[in-house]
Amino acid sequence: MAIDKYLARGGIALACNLALEEMSEMVKEKEKLSDEESRKQAIAALIPGVILQPSGVFAALRAQEAGCMYLRAS
C-alpha cells in the first residue's frame, strides 16, 4: 500500500514528533545545520498530508480513545 494513495482515499496517517526529532538530529549532524534549519528540512521531508503528533504512543492512545483499534503489523 502506498501512503500517498491511502491519504488520497481519505486515510489518516500520523507521524511521531519524537522520531522526527531524531531525524532532525541526523540531518543537523550530516549537513552541519542549525537546530531550526535541520527541523525545517525534516518537516519538509514528511509526506504531504501526514499529521505530526507529540509522540507515536500519544497518537495511538488518542486514536484508541476515538474508537480506533491498534493492530501490530510486524
Protein backbone atom coordinates (compact mmCIF):
# COMPACT_ATOMS: atom_id res chain seq x y z
CA MET A 1 0.00 0.00 0.00
CA ALA A 2 1.36 3.40 -0.96
CA ILE A 3 0.74 6.02 1.70
CA ASP A 4 0.04 8.75 -0.85
CA LYS A 5 -2.77 6.65 -2.35
CA TYR A 6 -4.08 5.83 1.12
CA LEU A 7 -4.20 9.54 2.00
CA ALA A 8 -5.86 10.37 -1.33
CA ARG A 9 -8.66 7.92 -0.42
CA GLY A 10 -9.26 9.80 2.83
CA GLY A 11 -7.00 7.79 5.11
CA ILE A 12 -5.30 9.38 8.08
CA ALA A 13 -1.58 8.97 8.71
CA LEU A 14 0.13 10.25 11.83
CA ALA A 15 3.84 10.82 12.43
CA CYS A 16 5.75 10.73 15.71
CA ASN A 17 7.40 14.04 16.66
CA LEU A 18 9.99 12.19 18.76
CA ALA A 19 11.08 10.21 15.69
CA LEU A 20 11.11 13.44 13.68
CA GLU A 21 13.43 14.98 16.28
CA GLU A 22 15.82 12.05 15.81
CA MET A 23 15.69 12.59 12.04
CA SER A 24 16.31 16.30 12.57
CA GLU A 25 19.42 15.50 14.64
CA MET A 26 20.73 13.24 11.87
CA VAL A 27 20.17 16.00 9.29
CA LYS A 28 21.83 18.55 11.61
CA GLU A 29 24.97 16.43 12.01
CA LYS A 30 25.25 15.41 8.37
CA GLU A 31 24.53 18.81 6.84
CA LYS A 32 26.09 20.92 9.64
CA LEU A 33 22.89 22.94 10.11
CA SER A 34 21.32 24.80 12.98
CA ASP A 35 18.60 23.15 15.08
CA GLU A 36 15.95 25.32 13.42
CA GLU A 37 17.09 24.65 9.86
CA SER A 38 17.50 20.91 10.38
CA ARG A 39 13.95 20.70 11.84
CA LYS A 40 12.61 22.64 8.85
CA GLN A 41 14.26 20.17 6.49
CA ALA A 42 12.97 17.16 8.44
CA ILE A 43 9.42 18.54 8.38
CA ALA A 44 9.73 19.30 4.66
CA ALA A 45 10.58 15.61 4.12
CA LEU A 46 7.24 14.49 5.57
CA ILE A 47 4.74 13.20 3.04
CA PRO A 48 2.11 15.90 2.45
CA GLY A 49 -1.00 15.15 4.48
CA VAL A 50 0.78 13.28 7.29
CA ILE A 51 -0.19 14.81 10.63
CA LEU A 52 2.61 15.31 13.17
CA GLN A 53 1.76 14.17 16.73
CA PRO A 54 3.66 14.73 20.00
CA SER A 55 4.65 11.04 20.01
CA GLY A 56 3.60 7.78 18.42
CA VAL A 57 2.36 6.46 21.77
CA PHE A 58 0.26 9.60 22.28
CA ALA A 59 -1.22 9.22 18.79
CA ALA A 60 -2.06 5.54 19.31
CA LEU A 61 -3.72 6.20 22.68
CA ARG A 62 -5.77 9.11 21.37
CA ALA A 63 -6.85 7.10 18.34
CA GLN A 64 -7.98 4.26 20.60
CA GLU A 65 -9.95 6.74 22.71
CA ALA A 66 -11.67 7.81 19.49
CA GLY A 67 -12.70 4.22 18.74
CA CYS A 68 -9.82 3.06 16.53
CA MET A 69 -8.14 -0.27 17.10
CA TYR A 70 -4.40 -0.81 17.24
CA LEU A 71 -3.13 -3.66 15.08
CA ARG A 72 0.53 -4.50 15.19
CA ALA A 73 1.62 -5.33 11.67
CA SER A 74 5.12 -6.60 12.43
